[in-house]
Amino acid sequence: MKSVILKDGAGNPQGVIREVAGGERLYDRSGASIATYRRNVDFTYDNNGTRFGSGNRLAGLVEDQD
């Protein structure tokens, strides 16, 4: 399973993007799921299943969680 650690300008970890079946999922520093990107439809969804935007927007969402 592939993971990408997202860091702020000072190098502090802010979140992790992990591959999951059918796409990728963003987790915050505490390990809570924030959003999911689904490759088959090319949309990003929040945890309630609401479409957040087209394409993979996970990396831009981690800063919004502070």
Protein backbone atom coordinates (compact mmCIF):
# COMPACT_ATOMS: atom_id res chain seq x y z
CA MET A 1 0.00 0.00 0.00
CA LYS A 2 1.39 3.37 -1.02
CA SER A 3 1.33 6.32 1.42
CA VAL A 4 2.28 9.98 1.03
CA ILE A 5 2.98 12.09 4.14
CA LEU A 6 1.87 15.72 3.76
CA LYS A 7 3.99 18.27 5.65
CA ASP A 8 3.72 21.99 6.36
CA GLY A 9 6.44 24.53 5.53
CA ALA A 10 8.34 23.67 8.73
CA GLY A 11 8.37 19.95 7.88
CA ASN A 12 5.74 18.95 10.46
CA PRO A 13 3.43 16.12 9.36
CA GLN A 14 -0.10 17.38 8.66
CA GLY A 15 -1.75 14.33 7.13
CA VAL A 16 -1.34 11.14 5.12
CA ILE A 17 -2.79 10.08 1.78
CA ARG A 18 -3.10 6.29 1.46
CA GLU A 19 -4.12 4.14 -1.46
CA VAL A 20 -7.39 2.29 -0.94
CA ALA A 21 -9.45 0.12 -3.25
CA GLY A 22 -10.57 2.31 -6.14
CA GLY A 23 -8.72 5.46 -5.12
CA GLU A 24 -7.03 7.30 -2.27
CA ARG A 25 -8.03 8.44 1.22
CA LEU A 26 -6.80 11.43 3.26
CA TYR A 27 -6.20 11.06 7.01
CA ASP A 28 -5.39 13.85 9.46
CA ARG A 29 -2.57 13.78 12.05
CA SER A 30 -4.70 11.80 14.50
CA GLY A 31 -5.54 9.15 11.89
CA ALA A 32 -9.15 10.22 11.29
CA SER A 33 -10.39 9.97 7.70
CA ILE A 34 -11.11 13.35 6.08
CA ALA A 35 -11.99 12.62 2.43
CA THR A 36 -11.73 10.07 -0.39
CA TYR A 37 -10.76 10.41 -4.04
CA ARG A 38 -12.41 7.86 -6.37
CA ARG A 39 -10.50 7.26 -9.59
CA ASN A 40 -13.35 5.63 -11.49
CA VAL A 41 -15.46 8.80 -11.41
CA ASP A 42 -12.58 11.32 -10.92
CA PHE A 43 -14.25 13.07 -7.96
CA THR A 44 -13.29 13.81 -4.35
CA TYR A 45 -15.87 13.11 -1.61
CA ASP A 46 -16.02 14.10 2.06
CA ASN A 47 -16.80 11.58 4.82
CA ASN A 48 -20.55 12.10 4.36
CA GLY A 49 -20.33 11.03 0.72
CA THR A 50 -20.88 14.55 -0.58
CA ARG A 51 -18.98 15.34 -3.77
CA PHE A 52 -16.35 17.94 -2.92
CA GLY A 53 -14.93 18.62 -6.38
CA SER A 54 -13.68 17.10 -9.60
CA GLY A 55 -10.25 15.51 -9.72
CA ASN A 56 -8.03 14.63 -6.79
CA ARG A 57 -8.26 17.46 -4.22
CA LEU A 58 -6.96 15.57 -1.19
CA ALA A 59 -3.64 17.39 -0.77
CA GLY A 60 -5.40 20.77 -0.60
CA LEU A 61 -7.83 19.64 2.10
CA VAL A 62 -5.37 18.82 4.87
CA GLU A 63 -4.73 22.49 5.75
CA ASP A 64 -8.46 23.10 6.18
CA GLN A 65 -8.62 20.67 9.10
CA ASP A 66 -6.59 22.73 11.63
